[in-house]
Amino acid sequence: MISDQKTRSVLGVVMVAMMLLAALSYILPGTLAAYLFPGIARVAAVEGGKLTVRSPYSLSIYATGVSGARLMQMTPQGDLIVSTRSNQVHLVHADKDGDGRADRVGQLIKGLDEVHGIWLEANQLYVAEEGKVHLYRYDGAKREATFEKTLISNLPDDGGHSTRTIKKGPDGWFYVSIGSSCNVCVEDNPWRSAIIRFKPGTAPELYAEGLRNSVGFDWRPETGEMFAVNAGRDHLGDDHPREELNKIEKGKHYGWPYAHGAENTPDPEFAKHKPEGLIIQAPAHTFTAHSTPLSIRFLKHQAQIGLNGAALVALHGSWNRSEHSGYKVVLLRWGPDGKVSQEDFVTGFDQAGAVIGRPVDVFETSDGTILISDDDADVIYKLSAAAQ
């Protein structure tokens, strides 16, 4: 009995402390609250309506405690497989109790090395670490992933830009993006600053190059065209170079490190190293410099007329700009002439210099629900459209 009373007392103290911390994080000035109680402050800010979403959508927190949440895949059972940039893959359990939030967050795979890319097809889960691509057998009923084999073991794993995104294209090939090893340099490894592709059991091939860090890519439903976002080099000032959206085609070069931006502006250090005769592709669209686009998702299941075929891009946010850029999710539309226009979709991650979140990936479910991962606030947001 005494032990039970002590347990209840301890739990009571913990609950009161958590309530006080949450209250303090909400009433303290944003910068001070974010410094003292970063996790609680960010969740409280979101729940307090700090994020603004385009009408007719509403935003809520679907899951908390998803440490370092990056890319997402949904199982047939409605669970979310979520990668991190550490050594594990999370499993976010579906909302079965109907309260609007995931039932729990658990660990699916551990012991990985800089895991990032994930792709689920039936019961086959493809997992991309910095240096390898693995195949796991996924059992949705048991919520278990069993290692089967390594498909690629020789991805570049030295230097910077350690994320490897993997997706299967409409042509049946698997595509893997690999960032540069440096801010700006001429790479020795041809797979660096590139996208490669492969089919299981065959050797990978170089698909496109000159892409400094194209973490996110997707295929436009109407045309099958592949588009990838790209983060440009640093240390050329606040406004140069602009980040890019590129239409990716086999064998094409997209400029880095020799040239940047819509005008293919020569790089002040590396333009002189550009191979003679190299043709550089201009981007389809550009974003504010240093805003760090990390994902693109073409929408297919939206009830609102005009949104299907448009794309959402998560701008993770700048780290080396005198005034922040990015820290939002934007909507891209393709005009009849092929030109791309941009408008804000979710804003408020940057509250007058106090960052309350950094969006990473966008995932659309078959019923039109939009999920956004945040590796700074460690949450998954849910966007739902009001009935029209």
Protein backbone atom coordinates (compact mmCIF):
# COMPACT_ATOMS: atom_id res chain seq x y z
CA MET A 1 0.00 0.00 0.00
CA ILE A 2 2.80 2.43 0.95
CA SER A 3 4.57 1.63 -2.31
CA ASP A 4 1.38 2.36 -4.28
CA GLN A 5 0.92 5.64 -2.42
CA LYS A 6 4.51 6.65 -3.16
CA THR A 7 4.04 5.76 -6.81
CA ARG A 8 0.88 7.84 -7.02
CA SER A 9 2.61 10.73 -5.27
CA VAL A 10 5.55 10.65 -7.65
CA LEU A 11 3.25 10.48 -10.68
CA GLY A 12 1.25 13.37 -9.30
CA VAL A 13 4.36 15.51 -8.85
CA VAL A 14 5.53 14.67 -12.38
CA MET A 15 2.16 15.56 -13.89
CA VAL A 16 2.02 18.89 -12.05
CA ALA A 17 5.58 19.70 -13.12
CA MET A 18 4.76 18.95 -16.75
CA MET A 19 1.66 21.14 -16.58
CA LEU A 20 3.68 24.00 -15.09
CA LEU A 21 6.37 23.66 -17.74
CA ALA A 22 3.77 23.66 -20.49
CA ALA A 23 2.13 26.75 -19.02
CA LEU A 24 5.46 28.55 -18.69
CA SER A 25 6.45 27.66 -22.24
CA TYR A 26 3.22 29.15 -23.49
CA ILE A 27 3.25 32.44 -21.54
CA LEU A 28 6.97 33.22 -21.68
CA PRO A 29 8.28 35.29 -24.59
CA GLY A 30 8.85 33.02 -27.61
CA THR A 31 12.65 33.19 -27.69
CA LEU A 32 13.03 32.61 -23.93
CA ALA A 33 10.52 29.75 -23.90
CA ALA A 34 12.19 28.08 -26.88
CA TYR A 35 15.55 28.32 -25.10
CA LEU A 36 14.38 27.01 -21.71
CA PHE A 37 11.90 24.34 -22.81
CA PRO A 38 12.44 23.72 -26.53
CA GLY A 39 10.31 20.60 -27.02
CA ILE A 40 7.37 21.73 -24.90
CA ALA A 41 7.54 25.27 -26.26
CA ARG A 42 7.33 24.12 -29.87
CA VAL A 43 4.37 21.82 -29.34
CA ALA A 44 2.61 24.49 -27.25
CA ALA A 45 3.22 27.09 -29.96
CA VAL A 46 1.70 24.86 -32.61
CA GLU A 47 -1.28 23.98 -30.46
CA GLY A 48 -1.66 27.67 -29.68
CA GLY A 49 -2.29 28.41 -33.33
CA LYS A 50 1.13 29.75 -34.26
CA LEU A 51 1.17 27.89 -37.57
CA THR A 52 -1.02 29.18 -40.39
CA VAL A 53 -2.32 26.90 -43.13
CA ARG A 54 -4.01 27.69 -46.43
CA SER A 55 -7.83 27.60 -46.41
CA PRO A 56 -9.81 25.32 -46.29
CA TYR A 57 -7.25 23.19 -44.42
CA SER A 58 -6.80 22.91 -40.68
CA LEU A 59 -3.60 21.78 -38.96
CA SER A 60 -3.15 19.64 -35.86
CA ILE A 61 -0.39 17.60 -34.27
CA TYR A 62 -0.76 13.93 -35.21
CA ALA A 63 2.23 12.52 -33.31
CA THR A 64 4.78 13.85 -30.80
CA GLY A 65 8.07 12.39 -29.63
CA VAL A 66 9.05 11.29 -33.14
CA SER A 67 12.68 12.16 -32.56
CA GLY A 68 14.36 13.58 -35.67
CA ALA A 69 11.40 12.75 -37.94
CA ARG A 70 12.41 12.79 -41.61
CA LEU A 71 10.83 10.72 -44.42
CA MET A 72 7.51 8.87 -44.15
CA GLN A 73 5.79 5.84 -45.65
CA MET A 74 2.35 4.48 -44.72
CA THR A 75 1.57 0.81 -44.21
CA PRO A 76 -1.69 -0.83 -45.35
CA GLN A 77 -2.70 -0.88 -41.67
CA GLY A 78 -2.39 2.92 -41.45
CA ASP A 79 0.82 2.99 -39.43
CA LEU A 80 3.57 5.42 -40.42
CA ILE A 81 7.15 4.28 -40.96
CA VAL A 82 9.36 7.31 -40.25
CA SER A 83 13.10 7.56 -40.80
CA THR A 84 15.49 9.64 -38.74
CA ARG A 85 19.00 10.91 -39.29
CA SER A 86 20.34 8.81 -36.44
CA ASN A 87 20.43 5.04 -36.33
CA GLN A 88 16.80 4.02 -36.22
CA VAL A 89 13.45 3.95 -37.98
CA HIS A 90 10.30 4.78 -36.02
CA LEU A 91 6.86 3.22 -36.30
CA VAL A 92 4.01 5.64 -35.57
CA HIS A 93 0.92 3.60 -34.75
CA ALA A 94 -2.32 4.52 -36.48
CA ASP A 95 -5.04 6.41 -34.63
CA LYS A 96 -7.34 3.51 -33.72
CA ASP A 97 -8.95 5.14 -30.67
CA GLY A 98 -10.26 8.04 -32.74
CA ASP A 99 -8.78 10.90 -30.73
CA GLY A 100 -7.08 12.44 -33.77
CA ARG A 101 -3.57 11.43 -32.73
CA ALA A 102 -1.35 8.44 -33.31
CA ASP A 103 -1.79 5.84 -30.59
CA ARG A 104 1.93 5.52 -29.87
CA VAL A 105 5.43 5.91 -31.28
CA GLY A 106 7.73 2.90 -31.25
CA GLN A 107 10.99 1.67 -32.73
CA LEU A 108 10.89 -0.45 -35.88
CA ILE A 109 14.57 -0.81 -36.84
CA LYS A 110 17.69 0.14 -34.90
CA GLY A 111 21.45 -0.09 -35.39
CA LEU A 112 21.53 1.68 -38.75
CA ASP A 113 24.05 4.22 -40.01
CA GLU A 114 22.67 7.66 -40.97
CA VAL A 115 19.41 6.14 -42.20
CA HIS A 116 17.18 8.45 -44.24
CA GLY A 117 15.51 7.01 -47.33
CA ILE A 118 12.62 4.55 -46.98
CA TRP A 119 10.24 3.07 -49.53
CA LEU A 120 7.48 0.55 -48.79
CA GLU A 121 5.99 -1.62 -51.52
CA ALA A 122 3.62 -4.39 -50.36
CA ASN A 123 5.68 -6.18 -47.69
CA GLN A 124 9.06 -5.04 -48.99
CA LEU A 125 10.70 -2.15 -47.15
CA TYR A 126 13.70 -0.52 -48.83
CA VAL A 127 15.98 1.36 -46.43
CA ALA A 128 18.80 3.68 -47.50
CA GLU A 129 21.67 4.39 -45.13
CA GLU A 130 24.52 6.72 -46.00
CA GLY A 131 26.56 3.95 -47.63
CA LYS A 132 24.07 1.13 -48.32
CA VAL A 133 20.59 0.20 -49.48
CA HIS A 134 18.92 -2.69 -47.67
CA LEU A 135 15.78 -4.74 -48.19
CA TYR A 136 13.60 -5.69 -45.20
CA ARG A 137 10.52 -7.89 -45.05
CA TYR A 138 7.76 -5.95 -43.32
CA ASP A 139 4.98 -7.71 -41.40
CA GLY A 140 2.18 -5.20 -40.86
CA ALA A 141 0.16 -7.42 -38.55
CA LYS A 142 3.12 -7.98 -36.21
CA ARG A 143 4.59 -4.52 -36.83
CA GLU A 144 7.99 -6.08 -37.46
CA ALA A 145 10.71 -5.54 -40.06
CA THR A 146 13.12 -8.41 -40.77
CA PHE A 147 16.36 -7.85 -42.61
CA GLU A 148 16.63 -9.79 -45.87
CA LYS A 149 19.63 -8.55 -47.81
CA THR A 150 21.80 -5.62 -48.84
CA LEU A 151 21.06 -4.46 -52.37
CA ILE A 152 23.80 -1.81 -52.69
CA SER A 153 26.88 -1.66 -50.47
CA ASN A 154 29.05 0.96 -52.14
CA LEU A 155 27.26 4.30 -51.88
CA PRO A 156 29.67 7.15 -51.07
CA ASP A 157 29.93 7.46 -47.29
CA ASP A 158 32.70 10.01 -46.79
CA GLY A 159 32.33 13.75 -46.49
CA GLY A 160 29.16 15.81 -46.06
CA HIS A 161 25.54 15.41 -47.12
CA SER A 162 24.88 11.97 -45.69
CA THR A 163 21.18 11.60 -46.57
CA ARG A 164 20.18 9.11 -49.25
CA THR A 165 16.60 9.32 -50.53
CA ILE A 166 15.16 6.29 -52.31
CA LYS A 167 11.93 6.15 -54.35
CA LYS A 168 10.53 3.89 -57.03
CA GLY A 169 9.61 5.67 -60.23
CA PRO A 170 6.65 4.96 -62.52
CA ASP A 171 9.13 3.28 -64.89
CA GLY A 172 9.90 0.55 -62.33
CA TRP A 173 13.41 1.79 -61.51
CA PHE A 174 14.55 2.70 -58.01
CA TYR A 175 16.13 6.16 -57.77
CA VAL A 176 18.62 7.23 -55.10
CA SER A 177 19.81 10.80 -54.59
CA ILE A 178 23.32 11.40 -53.24
CA GLY A 179 24.48 14.86 -52.16
CA SER A 180 27.92 16.36 -52.58
CA SER A 181 30.79 15.67 -50.20
CA CYS A 182 31.47 19.39 -49.74
CA ASN A 183 30.03 22.87 -50.01
CA VAL A 184 31.63 23.36 -53.42
CA CYS A 185 34.31 21.27 -55.14
CA VAL A 186 34.94 19.03 -58.11
CA GLU A 187 34.01 15.54 -56.98
CA ASP A 188 36.17 12.47 -57.59
CA ASN A 189 33.26 10.05 -57.21
CA PRO A 190 30.77 10.39 -60.11
CA TRP A 191 27.90 9.28 -57.85
CA ARG A 192 28.36 12.36 -55.67
CA SER A 193 26.02 15.33 -56.35
CA ALA A 194 23.92 13.02 -58.48
CA ILE A 195 20.93 10.73 -58.79
CA ILE A 196 21.56 7.10 -59.58
CA ARG A 197 19.04 4.39 -60.38
CA PHE A 198 18.91 0.61 -60.20
CA LYS A 199 16.71 -2.44 -60.39
CA PRO A 200 17.22 -5.12 -57.72
CA GLY A 201 19.84 -7.57 -58.89
CA THR A 202 21.44 -5.17 -61.36
CA ALA A 203 24.29 -2.68 -61.00
CA PRO A 204 23.29 0.95 -60.37
CA GLU A 205 23.77 3.49 -63.14
CA LEU A 206 24.35 7.23 -63.08
CA TYR A 207 21.13 9.03 -64.08
CA ALA A 208 21.67 12.78 -63.58
CA GLU A 209 24.48 14.91 -62.15
CA GLY A 210 25.39 18.44 -61.10
CA LEU A 211 22.86 18.29 -58.25
CA ARG A 212 24.54 19.53 -55.08
CA ASN A 213 21.93 18.10 -52.69
CA SER A 214 18.62 16.95 -54.16
CA VAL A 215 17.10 15.34 -51.08
CA GLY A 216 13.53 15.42 -52.42
CA PHE A 217 12.14 14.24 -55.76
CA ASP A 218 8.84 13.05 -57.20
CA TRP A 219 7.06 12.44 -60.52
CA ARG A 220 4.38 14.72 -61.97
CA PRO A 221 1.23 12.59 -62.39
CA GLU A 222 0.02 14.15 -65.65
CA THR A 223 3.25 13.76 -67.56
CA GLY A 224 5.48 11.31 -65.68
CA GLU A 225 8.21 13.95 -65.57
CA MET A 226 10.63 13.71 -62.67
CA PHE A 227 11.26 16.84 -60.59
CA ALA A 228 13.82 17.29 -57.82
CA VAL A 229 14.48 20.13 -55.40
CA ASN A 230 18.08 21.16 -54.89
CA ALA A 231 19.94 23.08 -52.18
CA GLY A 232 22.69 25.33 -53.53
CA ARG A 233 26.13 26.21 -52.20
CA ASP A 234 26.87 28.52 -49.27
CA HIS A 235 29.07 31.59 -48.67
CA LEU A 236 28.05 33.69 -51.66
CA GLY A 237 25.92 36.07 -49.61
CA ASP A 238 22.30 36.13 -48.40
CA ASP A 239 20.68 36.00 -51.82
CA HIS A 240 22.92 33.78 -53.94
CA PRO A 241 22.56 31.23 -55.25
CA ARG A 242 18.83 30.61 -55.26
CA GLU A 243 17.65 27.10 -54.44
CA GLU A 244 16.30 25.11 -57.38
CA LEU A 245 13.55 22.89 -58.71
CA ASN A 246 14.87 20.87 -61.64
CA LYS A 247 13.18 18.68 -64.22
CA ILE A 248 15.38 15.61 -64.11
CA GLU A 249 16.26 13.82 -67.32
CA LYS A 250 18.69 11.01 -67.96
CA GLY A 251 22.23 12.07 -68.76
CA LYS A 252 21.67 15.77 -68.03
CA HIS A 253 23.88 18.03 -65.91
CA TYR A 254 22.35 20.66 -63.62
CA GLY A 255 25.27 22.97 -63.01
CA TRP A 256 26.93 22.40 -59.66
CA PRO A 257 29.71 23.29 -58.96
CA TYR A 258 30.27 25.30 -62.15
CA ALA A 259 27.10 27.44 -62.34
CA HIS A 260 23.97 28.21 -60.35
CA GLY A 261 20.43 29.52 -60.61
CA ALA A 262 17.99 30.38 -63.36
CA GLU A 263 20.64 32.18 -65.43
CA ASN A 264 23.31 29.53 -64.81
CA THR A 265 25.47 32.21 -63.20
CA PRO A 266 29.12 31.11 -63.27
CA ASP A 267 30.54 30.12 -59.90
CA PRO A 268 33.28 32.59 -58.86
CA GLU A 269 35.61 29.76 -57.84
CA PHE A 270 34.74 26.77 -60.01
CA ALA A 271 33.44 28.10 -63.34
CA LYS A 272 36.99 27.83 -64.64
CA HIS A 273 36.88 24.07 -64.07
CA LYS A 274 33.78 23.51 -66.21
CA PRO A 275 34.50 20.86 -68.84
CA GLU A 276 34.51 22.20 -72.38
CA GLY A 277 31.25 21.55 -74.18
CA LEU A 278 29.28 20.69 -71.03
CA ILE A 279 25.64 21.74 -71.42
CA ILE A 280 23.98 22.83 -68.19
CA GLN A 281 20.22 22.60 -67.68
CA ALA A 282 18.42 25.63 -66.28
CA PRO A 283 16.05 25.05 -63.33
CA ALA A 284 12.29 24.92 -63.80
CA HIS A 285 11.79 27.16 -60.77
CA THR A 286 13.85 28.73 -57.99
CA PHE A 287 13.34 29.41 -54.29
CA THR A 288 14.86 31.99 -51.94
CA ALA A 289 18.55 31.37 -51.35
CA HIS A 290 19.46 29.07 -48.45
CA SER A 291 15.80 28.13 -47.76
CA THR A 292 16.80 24.43 -48.06
CA PRO A 293 14.04 22.57 -49.92
CA LEU A 294 14.02 18.98 -48.65
CA SER A 295 10.99 17.34 -50.24
CA ILE A 296 8.46 17.62 -53.04
CA ARG A 297 5.13 15.78 -53.18
CA PHE A 298 2.70 15.96 -56.07
CA LEU A 299 -0.90 15.87 -54.82
CA LYS A 300 -3.31 13.27 -56.20
CA HIS A 301 -6.18 12.85 -53.72
CA GLN A 302 -7.38 16.34 -52.86
CA ALA A 303 -11.09 17.15 -52.95
CA GLN A 304 -10.42 20.82 -53.64
CA ILE A 305 -10.53 21.55 -57.34
CA GLY A 306 -7.22 22.70 -58.74
CA LEU A 307 -4.88 21.16 -56.19
CA ASN A 308 -4.42 17.74 -57.74
CA GLY A 309 -1.34 17.91 -59.93
CA ALA A 310 0.12 20.71 -57.83
CA ALA A 311 3.07 19.97 -55.55
CA LEU A 312 3.98 20.75 -51.96
CA VAL A 313 7.60 21.57 -51.13
CA ALA A 314 8.94 21.67 -47.56
CA LEU A 315 11.49 24.45 -47.05
CA HIS A 316 13.51 23.33 -44.04
CA GLY A 317 14.96 26.79 -43.44
CA SER A 318 18.27 28.63 -43.59
CA TRP A 319 21.10 28.38 -41.08
CA ASN A 320 23.58 30.93 -42.43
CA ARG A 321 21.52 33.89 -43.62
CA SER A 322 21.30 37.26 -41.83
CA GLU A 323 17.50 37.00 -42.12
CA HIS A 324 15.86 33.59 -42.08
CA SER A 325 14.49 32.14 -45.29
CA GLY A 326 12.33 29.07 -45.73
CA TYR A 327 10.72 27.61 -42.60
CA LYS A 328 7.47 26.92 -44.44
CA VAL A 329 5.69 24.64 -46.88
CA VAL A 330 4.87 26.09 -50.29
CA LEU A 331 2.48 25.08 -53.06
CA LEU A 332 3.71 24.89 -56.65
CA ARG A 333 1.41 25.00 -59.67
CA TRP A 334 2.27 24.30 -63.30
CA GLY A 335 0.74 26.64 -65.87
CA PRO A 336 -0.29 25.67 -69.42
CA ASP A 337 3.05 27.07 -70.62
CA GLY A 338 4.97 24.90 -68.16
CA LYS A 339 5.94 27.81 -65.92
CA VAL A 340 5.80 27.16 -62.20
CA SER A 341 4.15 29.55 -59.73
CA GLN A 342 4.53 29.47 -55.95
CA GLU A 343 2.34 30.37 -52.98
CA ASP A 344 2.55 29.77 -49.25
CA PHE A 345 0.74 26.72 -47.87
CA VAL A 346 1.92 26.38 -44.23
CA THR A 347 3.76 29.23 -42.49
CA GLY A 348 4.72 30.24 -38.95
CA PHE A 349 7.63 27.90 -38.23
CA ASP A 350 9.74 31.05 -37.82
CA GLN A 351 8.22 33.36 -35.21
CA ALA A 352 10.14 36.62 -35.58
CA GLY A 353 13.44 34.78 -35.39
CA ALA A 354 12.32 32.15 -32.88
CA VAL A 355 12.15 28.82 -34.73
CA ILE A 356 9.39 26.50 -33.51
CA GLY A 357 9.80 23.85 -36.19
CA ARG A 358 11.47 22.81 -39.44
CA PRO A 359 9.38 20.90 -42.00
CA VAL A 360 11.03 18.01 -43.81
CA ASP A 361 8.76 15.60 -45.68
CA VAL A 362 5.22 15.80 -47.04
CA PHE A 363 3.09 12.67 -47.38
CA GLU A 364 -0.41 12.40 -48.85
CA THR A 365 -2.71 9.55 -47.81
CA SER A 366 -5.29 7.97 -50.10
CA ASP A 367 -8.10 9.92 -48.41
CA GLY A 368 -6.38 13.25 -49.02
CA THR A 369 -4.95 13.79 -45.54
CA ILE A 370 -1.59 15.58 -45.70
CA LEU A 371 1.13 14.69 -43.18
CA ILE A 372 4.26 16.79 -42.60
CA SER A 373 7.29 15.66 -40.61
CA ASP A 374 9.34 18.05 -38.46
CA ASP A 375 12.82 17.00 -37.32
CA ASP A 376 13.23 20.02 -35.06
CA ALA A 377 9.98 19.82 -33.06
CA ASP A 378 10.00 15.98 -33.36
CA VAL A 379 6.38 15.86 -34.47
CA ILE A 380 4.14 14.83 -37.36
CA TYR A 381 1.51 17.40 -38.37
CA LYS A 382 -1.83 16.48 -39.94
CA LEU A 383 -3.61 18.71 -42.43
CA SER A 384 -7.30 18.06 -43.09
CA ALA A 385 -9.54 19.92 -45.52
CA ALA A 386 -12.92 21.17 -44.39
CA ALA A 387 -15.91 19.87 -46.33
CA GLN A 388 -16.69 22.06 -49.36
